[in-house]
Amino acid sequence: MTRLLLLTALLCGCTSVPEATWQTVHAVDVVQTARFAHGGRCQEEGLGTRQLIGANPGVAGVIGWGIASAGVHYAVTRWLDSVDAPQWVRWTWQSVTIGIAGEAVLSNAELDCY
């Protein structure tokens, strides 16, 4: 887990602190979800995620979802920067998505799915 967090932080070095924060929290969520998928004792309940990867995704599906959603988040962030979106729009985007990812991590930590 520590290596993943360090790698995520290094890869996000070329972007903003909020984006690096989201990418790191998201990486933790992906690792947790992949571990759950491997254990097979819990079902995916994430808003929208269940519809994308299913209630009982495999590890490959979780990793694919994780990579794709990280790319989409990064692309939206870069697009907001490129169109010089108002600061409140950028702040709202990052705050809401960090909050959602953080809530997922905290909820996952309370589960006994291994």
PDB file of N, CA and C in Angstrom:
ATOM      1  N   MET A   1       0.840  -1.192   0.000  1.00  0.00           N
ATOM      2  CA  MET A   1       0.000   0.000   0.000  1.00  0.00           C
ATOM      3  C   MET A   1       0.877   1.244   0.000  1.00  0.00           C
ATOM      4  N   THR A   2       1.939   1.245   0.781  1.00  0.00           N
ATOM      5  CA  THR A   2       2.814   2.408   0.846  1.00  0.00           C
ATOM      6  C   THR A   2       3.445   2.696  -0.505  1.00  0.00           C
ATOM      7  N   ARG A   3       3.871   1.668  -1.203  1.00  0.00           N
ATOM      8  CA  ARG A   3       4.466   1.857  -2.529  1.00  0.00           C
ATOM      9  C   ARG A   3       3.460   2.464  -3.499  1.00  0.00           C
ATOM     10  N   LEU A   4       2.220   2.007  -3.435  1.00  0.00           N
ATOM     11  CA  LEU A   4       1.182   2.549  -4.306  1.00  0.00           C
ATOM     12  C   LEU A   4       0.961   4.032  -4.034  1.00  0.00           C
ATOM     13  N   LEU A   5       0.919   4.401  -2.763  1.00  0.00           N
ATOM     14  CA  LEU A   5       0.717   5.811  -2.416  1.00  0.00           C
ATOM     15  C   LEU A   5       1.887   6.665  -2.887  1.00  0.00           C
ATOM     16  N   LEU A   6       3.102   6.165  -2.725  1.00  0.00           N
ATOM     17  CA  LEU A   6       4.271   6.912  -3.186  1.00  0.00           C
ATOM     18  C   LEU A   6       4.271   7.047  -4.703  1.00  0.00           C
ATOM     19  N   LEU A   7       3.943   5.976  -5.403  1.00  0.00           N
ATOM     20  CA  LEU A   7       3.882   6.022  -6.862  1.00  0.00           C
ATOM     21  C   LEU A   7       2.826   7.021  -7.320  1.00  0.00           C
ATOM     22  N   THR A   8       1.665   6.994  -6.690  1.00  0.00           N
ATOM     23  CA  THR A   8       0.597   7.930  -7.047  1.00  0.00           C
ATOM     24  C   THR A   8       1.050   9.366  -6.825  1.00  0.00           C
ATOM     25  N   ALA A   9       1.682   9.625  -5.705  1.00  0.00           N
ATOM     26  CA  ALA A   9       2.157  10.976  -5.414  1.00  0.00           C
ATOM     27  C   ALA A   9       3.192  11.424  -6.448  1.00  0.00           C
ATOM     28  N   LEU A  10       4.087  10.529  -6.844  1.00  0.00           N
ATOM     29  CA  LEU A  10       5.090  10.880  -7.846  1.00  0.00           C
ATOM     30  C   LEU A  10       4.459  11.146  -9.206  1.00  0.00           C
ATOM     31  N   LEU A  11       3.504  10.316  -9.597  1.00  0.00           N
ATOM     32  CA  LEU A  11       2.849  10.502 -10.884  1.00  0.00           C
ATOM     33  C   LEU A  11       2.025  11.786 -10.927  1.00  0.00           C
ATOM     34  N   CYS A  12       1.547  12.231  -9.793  1.00  0.00           N
ATOM     35  CA  CYS A  12       0.737  13.444  -9.739  1.00  0.00           C
ATOM     36  C   CYS A  12       1.594  14.681  -9.498  1.00  0.00           C
ATOM     37  N   GLY A  13       2.902  14.531  -9.504  1.00  0.00           N
ATOM     38  CA  GLY A  13       3.785  15.655  -9.245  1.00  0.00           C
ATOM     39  C   GLY A  13       3.652  16.797 -10.240  1.00  0.00           C
ATOM     40  N   CYS A  14       3.105  16.497 -11.415  1.00  0.00           N
ATOM     41  CA  CYS A  14       2.993  17.527 -12.438  1.00  0.00           C
ATOM     42  C   CYS A  14       1.638  18.228 -12.389  1.00  0.00           C
ATOM     43  N   THR A  15       0.854  17.993 -11.371  1.00  0.00           N
ATOM     44  CA  THR A  15      -0.477  18.576 -11.293  1.00  0.00           C
ATOM     45  C   THR A  15      -0.689  19.215  -9.928  1.00  0.00           C
ATOM     46  N   SER A  16      -1.895  19.612  -9.661  1.00  0.00           N
ATOM     47  CA  SER A  16      -2.201  20.347  -8.439  1.00  0.00           C
ATOM     48  C   SER A  16      -2.281  19.437  -7.214  1.00  0.00           C
ATOM     49  N   VAL A  17      -2.193  20.054  -6.052  1.00  0.00           N
ATOM     50  CA  VAL A  17      -2.315  19.313  -4.802  1.00  0.00           C
ATOM     51  C   VAL A  17      -3.700  18.673  -4.687  1.00  0.00           C
ATOM     52  N   PRO A  18      -4.803  19.396  -5.008  1.00  0.00           N
ATOM     53  CA  PRO A  18      -6.101  18.720  -4.931  1.00  0.00           C
ATOM     54  C   PRO A  18      -6.200  17.503  -5.859  1.00  0.00           C
ATOM     55  N   GLU A  19      -5.649  17.594  -7.054  1.00  0.00           N
ATOM     56  CA  GLU A  19      -5.696  16.445  -7.968  1.00  0.00           C
ATOM     57  C   GLU A  19      -4.872  15.293  -7.416  1.00  0.00           C
ATOM     58  N   ALA A  20      -3.701  15.590  -6.888  1.00  0.00           N
ATOM     59  CA  ALA A  20      -2.867  14.547  -6.287  1.00  0.00           C
ATOM     60  C   ALA A  20      -3.577  13.921  -5.094  1.00  0.00           C
ATOM     61  N   THR A  21      -4.298  14.739  -4.339  1.00  0.00           N
ATOM     62  CA  THR A  21      -5.053  14.221  -3.195  1.00  0.00           C
ATOM     63  C   THR A  21      -6.125  13.259  -3.668  1.00  0.00           C
ATOM     64  N   TRP A  22      -6.903  13.667  -4.684  1.00  0.00           N
ATOM     65  CA  TRP A  22      -7.948  12.778  -5.187  1.00  0.00           C
ATOM     66  C   TRP A  22      -7.348  11.489  -5.726  1.00  0.00           C
ATOM     67  N   GLN A  23      -6.299  11.599  -6.527  1.00  0.00           N
ATOM     68  CA  GLN A  23      -5.685  10.407  -7.124  1.00  0.00           C
ATOM     69  C   GLN A  23      -5.194   9.451  -6.035  1.00  0.00           C
ATOM     70  N   THR A  24      -4.642   9.983  -4.961  1.00  0.00           N
ATOM     71  CA  THR A  24      -4.139   9.139  -3.879  1.00  0.00           C
ATOM     72  C   THR A  24      -5.280   8.459  -3.131  1.00  0.00           C
ATOM     73  N   VAL A  25      -6.306   9.217  -2.778  1.00  0.00           N
ATOM     74  CA  VAL A  25      -7.455   8.629  -2.072  1.00  0.00           C
ATOM     75  C   VAL A  25      -8.136   7.594  -2.975  1.00  0.00           C
ATOM     76  N   HIS A  26      -8.251   7.912  -4.245  1.00  0.00           N
ATOM     77  CA  HIS A  26      -8.851   6.978  -5.206  1.00  0.00           C
ATOM     78  C   HIS A  26      -8.025   5.691  -5.289  1.00  0.00           C
ATOM     79  N   ALA A  27      -6.710   5.818  -5.293  1.00  0.00           N
ATOM     80  CA  ALA A  27      -5.842   4.632  -5.348  1.00  0.00           C
ATOM     81  C   ALA A  27      -6.083   3.731  -4.133  1.00  0.00           C
ATOM     82  N   VAL A  28      -6.271   4.338  -2.970  1.00  0.00           N
ATOM     83  CA  VAL A  28      -6.565   3.546  -1.763  1.00  0.00           C
ATOM     84  C   VAL A  28      -7.903   2.819  -1.943  1.00  0.00           C
ATOM     85  N   ASP A  29      -8.902   3.523  -2.462  1.00  0.00           N
ATOM     86  CA  ASP A  29     -10.213   2.904  -2.706  1.00  0.00           C
ATOM     87  C   ASP A  29     -10.081   1.727  -3.674  1.00  0.00           C
ATOM     88  N   VAL A  30      -9.299   1.887  -4.721  1.00  0.00           N
ATOM     89  CA  VAL A  30      -9.122   0.816  -5.705  1.00  0.00           C
ATOM     90  C   VAL A  30      -8.453  -0.399  -5.052  1.00  0.00           C
ATOM     91  N   VAL A  31      -7.438  -0.167  -4.248  1.00  0.00           N
ATOM     92  CA  VAL A  31      -6.764  -1.279  -3.569  1.00  0.00           C
ATOM     93  C   VAL A  31      -7.732  -1.991  -2.633  1.00  0.00           C
ATOM     94  N   GLN A  32      -8.490  -1.221  -1.862  1.00  0.00           N
ATOM     95  CA  GLN A  32      -9.465  -1.834  -0.958  1.00  0.00           C
ATOM     96  C   GLN A  32     -10.483  -2.663  -1.744  1.00  0.00           C
ATOM     97  N   THR A  33     -11.011  -2.085  -2.810  1.00  0.00           N
ATOM     98  CA  THR A  33     -12.032  -2.762  -3.603  1.00  0.00           C
ATOM     99  C   THR A  33     -11.470  -4.014  -4.267  1.00  0.00           C
ATOM    100  N   ALA A  34     -10.240  -3.949  -4.754  1.00  0.00           N
ATOM    101  CA  ALA A  34      -9.604  -5.127  -5.360  1.00  0.00           C
ATOM    102  C   ALA A  34      -9.411  -6.233  -4.322  1.00  0.00           C
ATOM    103  N   ARG A  35      -9.045  -5.851  -3.115  1.00  0.00           N
ATOM    104  CA  ARG A  35      -8.893  -6.857  -2.049  1.00  0.00           C
ATOM    105  C   ARG A  35     -10.238  -7.493  -1.724  1.00  0.00           C
ATOM    106  N   PHE A  36     -11.296  -6.684  -1.711  1.00  0.00           N
ATOM    107  CA  PHE A  36     -12.638  -7.220  -1.471  1.00  0.00           C
ATOM    108  C   PHE A  36     -13.037  -8.165  -2.599  1.00  0.00           C
ATOM    109  N   ALA A  37     -12.743  -7.773  -3.825  1.00  0.00           N
ATOM    110  CA  ALA A  37     -13.086  -8.607  -4.979  1.00  0.00           C
ATOM    111  C   ALA A  37     -12.371  -9.949  -4.889  1.00  0.00           C
ATOM    112  N   HIS A  38     -11.130  -9.910  -4.444  1.00  0.00           N
ATOM    113  CA  HIS A  38     -10.354 -11.137  -4.301  1.00  0.00           C
ATOM    114  C   HIS A  38     -10.944 -12.022  -3.198  1.00  0.00           C
ATOM    115  N   GLY A  39     -11.408 -11.396  -2.107  1.00  0.00           N
ATOM    116  CA  GLY A  39     -11.994 -12.148  -0.998  1.00  0.00           C
ATOM    117  C   GLY A  39     -13.385 -12.671  -1.302  1.00  0.00           C
ATOM    118  N   GLY A  40     -14.146 -11.912  -2.098  1.00  0.00           N
ATOM    119  CA  GLY A  40     -15.465 -12.348  -2.526  1.00  0.00           C
ATOM    120  C   GLY A  40     -16.552 -12.344  -1.472  1.00  0.00           C
ATOM    121  N   ARG A  41     -16.323 -11.676  -0.353  1.00  0.00           N
ATOM    122  CA  ARG A  41     -17.326 -11.699   0.721  1.00  0.00           C
ATOM    123  C   ARG A  41     -18.252 -10.488   0.726  1.00  0.00           C
ATOM    124  N   CYS A  42     -17.983  -9.484  -0.064  1.00  0.00           N
ATOM    125  CA  CYS A  42     -18.819  -8.278  -0.082  1.00  0.00           C
ATOM    126  C   CYS A  42     -19.224  -7.954  -1.513  1.00  0.00           C
ATOM    127  N   GLN A  43     -20.283  -7.168  -1.632  1.00  0.00           N
ATOM    128  CA  GLN A  43     -20.733  -6.713  -2.939  1.00  0.00           C
ATOM    129  C   GLN A  43     -20.429  -5.236  -3.094  1.00  0.00           C
ATOM    130  N   GLU A  44     -20.180  -4.814  -4.337  1.00  0.00           N
ATOM    131  CA  GLU A  44     -19.939  -3.403  -4.651  1.00  0.00           C
ATOM    132  C   GLU A  44     -21.238  -2.632  -4.443  1.00  0.00           C
ATOM    133  N   GLU A  45     -21.150  -1.543  -3.697  1.00  0.00           N
ATOM    134  CA  GLU A  45     -22.328  -0.720  -3.419  1.00  0.00           C
ATOM    135  C   GLU A  45     -22.128   0.734  -3.824  1.00  0.00           C
ATOM    136  N   GLY A  46     -20.985   1.067  -4.408  1.00  0.00           N
ATOM    137  CA  GLY A  46     -20.681   2.450  -4.756  1.00  0.00           C
ATOM    138  C   GLY A  46     -21.656   3.038  -5.757  1.00  0.00           C
ATOM    139  N   LEU A  47     -22.010   4.295  -5.546  1.00  0.00           N
ATOM    140  CA  LEU A  47     -22.931   5.012  -6.429  1.00  0.00           C
ATOM    141  C   LEU A  47     -22.343   5.070  -7.840  1.00  0.00           C
ATOM    142  N   GLY A  48     -22.989   4.441  -8.779  1.00  0.00           N
ATOM    143  CA  GLY A  48     -22.521   4.409 -10.159  1.00  0.00           C
ATOM    144  C   GLY A  48     -21.516   3.296 -10.423  1.00  0.00           C
ATOM    145  N   THR A  49     -20.693   3.001  -9.447  1.00  0.00           N
ATOM    146  CA  THR A  49     -19.662   1.976  -9.637  1.00  0.00           C
ATOM    147  C   THR A  49     -20.289   0.602  -9.822  1.00  0.00           C
ATOM    148  N   ARG A  50     -21.300   0.319  -9.046  1.00  0.00           N
ATOM    149  CA  ARG A  50     -21.980  -0.988  -9.165  1.00  0.00           C
ATOM    150  C   ARG A  50     -22.537  -1.171 -10.574  1.00  0.00           C
ATOM    151  N   GLN A  51     -23.075  -0.093 -11.152  1.00  0.00           N
ATOM    152  CA  GLN A  51     -23.624  -0.183 -12.499  1.00  0.00           C
ATOM    153  C   GLN A  51     -22.518  -0.387 -13.543  1.00  0.00           C
ATOM    154  N   LEU A  52     -21.330   0.127 -13.268  1.00  0.00           N
ATOM    155  CA  LEU A  52     -20.223   0.020 -14.221  1.00  0.00           C
ATOM    156  C   LEU A  52     -19.488  -1.317 -14.146  1.00  0.00           C
ATOM    157  N   ILE A  53     -19.201  -1.779 -12.923  1.00  0.00           N
ATOM    158  CA  ILE A  53     -18.388  -2.989 -12.791  1.00  0.00           C
ATOM    159  C   ILE A  53     -19.145  -4.168 -12.205  1.00  0.00           C
ATOM    160  N   GLY A  54     -20.393  -3.951 -11.804  1.00  0.00           N
ATOM    161  CA  GLY A  54     -21.209  -5.039 -11.280  1.00  0.00           C
ATOM    162  C   GLY A  54     -21.121  -5.179  -9.777  1.00  0.00           C
ATOM    163  N   ALA A  55     -22.003  -5.994  -9.233  1.00  0.00           N
ATOM    164  CA  ALA A  55     -22.063  -6.200  -7.783  1.00  0.00           C
ATOM    165  C   ALA A  55     -20.893  -7.034  -7.276  1.00  0.00           C
ATOM    166  N   ASN A  56     -20.413  -7.946  -8.109  1.00  0.00           N
ATOM    167  CA  ASN A  56     -19.311  -8.832  -7.719  1.00  0.00           C
ATOM    168  C   ASN A  56     -18.209  -8.796  -8.776  1.00  0.00           C
ATOM    169  N   PRO A  57     -17.510  -7.675  -8.873  1.00  0.00           N
ATOM    170  CA  PRO A  57     -16.494  -7.558  -9.921  1.00  0.00           C
ATOM    171  C   PRO A  57     -15.265  -8.411  -9.617  1.00  0.00           C
ATOM    172  N   GLY A  58     -14.571  -8.776 -10.671  1.00  0.00           N
ATOM    173  CA  GLY A  58     -13.291  -9.444 -10.497  1.00  0.00           C
ATOM    174  C   GLY A  58     -12.203  -8.397 -10.262  1.00  0.00           C
ATOM    175  N   VAL A  59     -11.049  -8.852  -9.859  1.00  0.00           N
ATOM    176  CA  VAL A  59      -9.935  -7.938  -9.592  1.00  0.00           C
ATOM    177  C   VAL A  59      -9.576  -7.148 -10.851  1.00  0.00           C
ATOM    178  N   ALA A  60      -9.563  -7.803 -12.007  1.00  0.00           N
ATOM    179  CA  ALA A  60      -9.228  -7.108 -13.262  1.00  0.00           C
ATOM    180  C   ALA A  60     -10.236  -6.006 -13.561  1.00  0.00           C
ATOM    181  N   GLY A  61     -11.508  -6.263 -13.302  1.00  0.00           N
ATOM    182  CA  GLY A  61     -12.534  -5.249 -13.510  1.00  0.00           C
ATOM    183  C   GLY A  61     -12.350  -4.061 -12.593  1.00  0.00           C
ATOM    184  N   VAL A  62     -11.991  -4.336 -11.354  1.00  0.00           N
ATOM    185  CA  VAL A  62     -11.757  -3.258 -10.387  1.00  0.00           C
ATOM    186  C   VAL A  62     -10.571  -2.402 -10.828  1.00  0.00           C
ATOM    187  N   ILE A  63      -9.498  -3.048 -11.241  1.00  0.00           N
ATOM    188  CA  ILE A  63      -8.308  -2.310 -11.659  1.00  0.00           C
ATOM    189  C   ILE A  63      -8.602  -1.510 -12.927  1.00  0.00           C
ATOM    190  N   GLY A  64      -9.316  -2.101 -13.872  1.00  0.00           N
ATOM    191  CA  GLY A  64      -9.698  -1.373 -15.082  1.00  0.00           C
ATOM    192  C   GLY A  64     -10.536  -0.150 -14.760  1.00  0.00           C
ATOM    193  N   TRP A  65     -11.527  -0.329 -13.886  1.00  0.00           N
ATOM    194  CA  TRP A  65     -12.355   0.794 -13.438  1.00  0.00           C
ATOM    195  C   TRP A  65     -11.490   1.859 -12.770  1.00  0.00           C
ATOM    196  N   GLY A  66     -10.561   1.420 -11.935  1.00  0.00           N
ATOM    197  CA  GLY A  66      -9.701   2.368 -11.223  1.00  0.00           C
ATOM    198  C   GLY A  66      -8.852   3.208 -12.161  1.00  0.00           C
ATOM    199  N   ILE A  67      -8.267   2.561 -13.144  1.00  0.00           N
ATOM    200  CA  ILE A  67      -7.429   3.276 -14.113  1.00  0.00           C
ATOM    201  C   ILE A  67      -8.275   4.215 -14.966  1.00  0.00           C
ATOM    202  N   ALA A  68      -9.412   3.721 -15.442  1.00  0.00           N
ATOM    203  CA  ALA A  68     -10.280   4.554 -16.288  1.00  0.00           C
ATOM    204  C   ALA A  68     -10.808   5.765 -15.531  1.00  0.00           C
ATOM    205  N   SER A  69     -11.274   5.563 -14.312  1.00  0.00           N
ATOM    206  CA  SER A  69     -11.826   6.691 -13.566  1.00  0.00           C
ATOM    207  C   SER A  69     -10.733   7.680 -13.166  1.00  0.00           C
ATOM    208  N   ALA A  70      -9.528   7.200 -12.903  1.00  0.00           N
ATOM    209  CA  ALA A  70      -8.420   8.113 -12.616  1.00  0.00           C
ATOM    210  C   ALA A  70      -8.108   8.967 -13.839  1.00  0.00           C
ATOM    211  N   GLY A  71      -8.128   8.344 -15.017  1.00  0.00           N
ATOM    212  CA  GLY A  71      -7.884   9.086 -16.251  1.00  0.00           C
ATOM    213  C   GLY A  71      -8.954  10.117 -16.534  1.00  0.00           C
ATOM    214  N   VAL A  72     -10.205   9.735 -16.318  1.00  0.00           N
ATOM    215  CA  VAL A  72     -11.312  10.680 -16.540  1.00  0.00           C
ATOM    216  C   VAL A  72     -11.209  11.854 -15.571  1.00  0.00           C
ATOM    217  N   HIS A  73     -10.923  11.563 -14.316  1.00  0.00           N
ATOM    218  CA  HIS A  73     -10.816  12.652 -13.326  1.00  0.00           C
ATOM    219  C   HIS A  73      -9.699  13.609 -13.714  1.00  0.00           C
ATOM    220  N   TYR A  74      -8.560  13.061 -14.077  1.00  0.00           N
ATOM    221  CA  TYR A  74      -7.420  13.891 -14.482  1.00  0.00           C
ATOM    222  C   TYR A  74      -7.774  14.722 -15.717  1.00  0.00           C
ATOM    223  N   ALA A  75      -8.443  14.097 -16.699  1.00  0.00           N
ATOM    224  CA  ALA A  75      -8.813  14.813 -17.932  1.00  0.00           C
ATOM    225  C   ALA A  75      -9.782  15.956 -17.646  1.00  0.00           C
ATOM    226  N   VAL A  76     -10.758  15.716 -16.783  1.00  0.00           N
ATOM    227  CA  VAL A  76     -11.699  16.788 -16.435  1.00  0.00           C
ATOM    228  C   VAL A  76     -10.973  17.921 -15.724  1.00  0.00           C
ATOM    229  N   THR A  77     -10.083  17.580 -14.816  1.00  0.00           N
ATOM    230  CA  THR A  77      -9.315  18.598 -14.097  1.00  0.00           C
ATOM    231  C   THR A  77      -8.484  19.429 -15.065  1.00  0.00           C
ATOM    232  N   ARG A  78      -7.794  18.766 -15.983  1.00  0.00           N
ATOM    233  CA  ARG A  78      -6.972  19.480 -16.980  1.00  0.00           C
ATOM    234  C   ARG A  78      -7.852  20.342 -17.887  1.00  0.00           C
ATOM    235  N   TRP A  79      -9.031  19.823 -18.263  1.00  0.00           N
ATOM    236  CA  TRP A  79      -9.947  20.583 -19.106  1.00  0.00           C
ATOM    237  C   TRP A  79     -10.426  21.837 -18.376  1.00  0.00           C
ATOM    238  N   LEU A  80     -10.795  21.704 -17.115  1.00  0.00           N
ATOM    239  CA  LEU A  80     -11.225  22.882 -16.339  1.00  0.00           C
ATOM    240  C   LEU A  80     -10.116  23.931 -16.289  1.00  0.00           C
ATOM    241  N   ASP A  81      -8.885  23.469 -16.143  1.00  0.00           N
ATOM    242  CA  ASP A  81      -7.743  24.397 -16.151  1.00  0.00           C
ATOM    243  C   ASP A  81      -7.570  25.038 -17.524  1.00  0.00           C
ATOM    244  N   SER A  82      -7.712  24.248 -18.584  1.00  0.00           N
ATOM    245  CA  SER A  82      -7.452  24.752 -19.935  1.00  0.00           C
ATOM    246  C   SER A  82      -8.486  25.771 -20.396  1.00  0.00           C
ATOM    247  N   VAL A  83      -9.712  25.646 -19.914  1.00  0.00           N
ATOM    248  CA  VAL A  83     -10.741  26.620 -20.289  1.00  0.00           C
ATOM    249  C   VAL A  83     -10.818  27.756 -19.282  1.00  0.00           C
ATOM    250  N   ASP A  84      -9.882  27.758 -18.347  1.00  0.00           N
ATOM    251  CA  ASP A  84      -9.814  28.778 -17.299  1.00  0.00           C
ATOM    252  C   ASP A  84     -11.149  28.912 -16.573  1.00  0.00           C
ATOM    253  N   ALA A  85     -11.679  27.749 -16.159  1.00  0.00           N
ATOM    254  CA  ALA A  85     -12.940  27.728 -15.418  1.00  0.00           C
ATOM    255  C   ALA A  85     -12.793  28.557 -14.146  1.00  0.00           C
ATOM    256  N   PRO A  86     -13.867  29.171 -13.690  1.00  0.00           N
ATOM    257  CA  PRO A  86     -13.798  29.941 -12.455  1.00  0.00           C
ATOM    258  C   PRO A  86     -13.258  29.084 -11.300  1.00  0.00           C
ATOM    259  N   GLN A  87     -12.543  29.725 -10.417  1.00  0.00           N
ATOM    260  CA  GLN A  87     -11.924  28.996  -9.307  1.00  0.00           C
ATOM    261  C   GLN A  87     -12.948  28.235  -8.473  1.00  0.00           C
ATOM    262  N   TRP A  88     -14.136  28.793  -8.296  1.00  0.00           N
ATOM    263  CA  TRP A  88     -15.141  28.098  -7.495  1.00  0.00           C
ATOM    264  C   TRP A  88     -15.591  26.799  -8.170  1.00  0.00           C
ATOM    265  N   VAL A  89     -15.586  26.760  -9.504  1.00  0.00           N
ATOM    266  CA  VAL A  89     -15.960  25.537 -10.224  1.00  0.00           C
ATOM    267  C   VAL A  89     -14.885  24.474  -9.998  1.00  0.00           C
ATOM    268  N   ARG A  90     -13.625  24.873 -10.122  1.00  0.00           N
ATOM    269  CA  ARG A  90     -12.529  23.927  -9.913  1.00  0.00           C
ATOM    270  C   ARG A  90     -12.511  23.429  -8.471  1.00  0.00           C
ATOM    271  N   TRP A  91     -12.726  24.350  -7.527  1.00  0.00           N
ATOM    272  CA  TRP A  91     -12.735  23.991  -6.112  1.00  0.00           C
ATOM    273  C   TRP A  91     -13.885  23.025  -5.832  1.00  0.00           C
ATOM    274  N   THR A  92     -15.057  23.302  -6.397  1.00  0.00           N
ATOM    275  CA  THR A  92     -16.214  22.438  -6.187  1.00  0.00           C
ATOM    276  C   THR A  92     -15.954  21.043  -6.757  1.00  0.00           C
ATOM    277  N   TRP A  93     -15.425  20.986  -7.976  1.00  0.00           N
ATOM    278  CA  TRP A  93     -15.089  19.702  -8.603  1.00  0.00           C
ATOM    279  C   TRP A  93     -14.182  18.875  -7.703  1.00  0.00           C
ATOM    280  N   GLN A  94     -13.088  19.479  -7.254  1.00  0.00           N
ATOM    281  CA  GLN A  94     -12.128  18.744  -6.437  1.00  0.00           C
ATOM    282  C   GLN A  94     -12.703  18.398  -5.067  1.00  0.00           C
ATOM    283  N   SER A  95     -13.385  19.334  -4.441  1.00  0.00           N
ATOM    284  CA  SER A  95     -13.919  19.089  -3.091  1.00  0.00           C
ATOM    285  C   SER A  95     -14.950  17.968  -3.087  1.00  0.00           C
ATOM    286  N   VAL A  96     -15.868  18.024  -4.033  1.00  0.00           N
ATOM    287  CA  VAL A  96     -16.916  17.004  -4.078  1.00  0.00           C
ATOM    288  C   VAL A  96     -16.319  15.633  -4.382  1.00  0.00           C
ATOM    289  N   THR A  97     -15.420  15.559  -5.358  1.00  0.00           N
ATOM    290  CA  THR A  97     -14.872  14.249  -5.723  1.00  0.00           C
ATOM    291  C   THR A  97     -13.927  13.707  -4.648  1.00  0.00           C
ATOM    292  N   ILE A  98     -13.176  14.572  -3.990  1.00  0.00           N
ATOM    293  CA  ILE A  98     -12.338  14.118  -2.866  1.00  0.00           C
ATOM    294  C   ILE A  98     -13.234  13.606  -1.741  1.00  0.00           C
ATOM    295  N   GLY A  99     -14.321  14.318  -1.478  1.00  0.00           N
ATOM    296  CA  GLY A  99     -15.251  13.890  -0.432  1.00  0.00           C
ATOM    297  C   GLY A  99     -15.867  12.534  -0.731  1.00  0.00           C
ATOM    298  N   ILE A 100     -16.279  12.323  -1.971  1.00  0.00           N
ATOM    299  CA  ILE A 100     -16.879  11.036  -2.355  1.00  0.00           C
ATOM    300  C   ILE A 100     -15.851   9.911  -2.223  1.00  0.00           C
ATOM    301  N   ALA A 101     -14.639  10.147  -2.720  1.00  0.00           N
ATOM    302  CA  ALA A 101     -13.593   9.119  -2.625  1.00  0.00           C
ATOM    303  C   ALA A 101     -13.218   8.853  -1.172  1.00  0.00           C
ATOM    304  N   GLY A 102     -13.126   9.905  -0.387  1.00  0.00           N
ATOM    305  CA  GLY A 102     -12.802   9.745   1.034  1.00  0.00           C
ATOM    306  C   GLY A 102     -13.863   8.962   1.782  1.00  0.00           C
ATOM    307  N   GLU A 103     -15.114   9.235   1.465  1.00  0.00           N
ATOM    308  CA  GLU A 103     -16.211   8.502   2.105  1.00  0.00           C
ATOM    309  C   GLU A 103     -16.147   7.030   1.737  1.00  0.00           C
ATOM    310  N   ALA A 104     -15.804   6.730   0.500  1.00  0.00           N
ATOM    311  CA  ALA A 104     -15.679   5.335   0.070  1.00  0.00           C
ATOM    312  C   ALA A 104     -14.575   4.623   0.847  1.00  0.00           C
ATOM    313  N   VAL A 105     -13.444   5.288   1.002  1.00  0.00           N
ATOM    314  CA  VAL A 105     -12.325   4.693   1.740  1.00  0.00           C
ATOM    315  C   VAL A 105     -12.717   4.432   3.188  1.00  0.00           C
ATOM    316  N   LEU A 106     -13.354   5.411   3.819  1.00  0.00           N
ATOM    317  CA  LEU A 106     -13.763   5.238   5.217  1.00  0.00           C
ATOM    318  C   LEU A 106     -14.808   4.134   5.359  1.00  0.00           C
ATOM    319  N   SER A 107     -15.760   4.084   4.444  1.00  0.00           N
ATOM    320  CA  SER A 107     -16.772   3.018   4.480  1.00  0.00           C
ATOM    321  C   SER A 107     -16.128   1.652   4.283  1.00  0.00           C
ATOM    322  N   ASN A 108     -15.190   1.578   3.336  1.00  0.00           N
ATOM    323  CA  ASN A 108     -14.492   0.311   3.093  1.00  0.00           C
ATOM    324  C   ASN A 108     -13.727  -0.153   4.334  1.00  0.00           C
ATOM    325  N   ALA A 109     -13.140   0.808   5.048  1.00  0.00           N
ATOM    326  CA  ALA A 109     -12.337   0.459   6.228  1.00  0.00           C
ATOM    327  C   ALA A 109     -13.190  -0.176   7.316  1.00  0.00           C
ATOM    328  N   GLU A 110     -14.481   0.111   7.322  1.00  0.00           N
ATOM    329  CA  GLU A 110     -15.375  -0.435   8.337  1.00  0.00           C
ATOM    330  C   GLU A 110     -15.877  -1.837   7.985  1.00  0.00           C
ATOM    331  N   LEU A 111     -15.650  -2.269   6.749  1.00  0.00           N
ATOM    332  CA  LEU A 111     -16.155  -3.568   6.292  1.00  0.00           C
ATOM    333  C   LEU A 111     -15.202  -4.702   6.654  1.00  0.00           C
ATOM    334  N   ASP A 112     -15.763  -5.885   6.817  1.00  0.00           N
ATOM    335  CA  ASP A 112     -14.971  -7.084   7.050  1.00  0.00           C
ATOM    336  C   ASP A 112     -15.194  -8.019   5.873  1.00  0.00           C
ATOM    337  N   CYS A 113     -14.505  -7.728   4.779  1.00  0.00           N
ATOM    338  CA  CYS A 113     -14.757  -8.458   3.529  1.00  0.00           C
ATOM    339  C   CYS A 113     -13.585  -9.302   3.062  1.00  0.00           C
ATOM    340  N   TYR A 114     -12.591  -9.467   3.886  1.00  0.00           N
ATOM    341  CA  TYR A 114     -11.397 -10.176   3.424  1.00  0.00           C
ATOM    342  C   TYR A 114     -11.506 -11.653   3.668  1.00  0.00           C
TER     343      TYR A 114
END
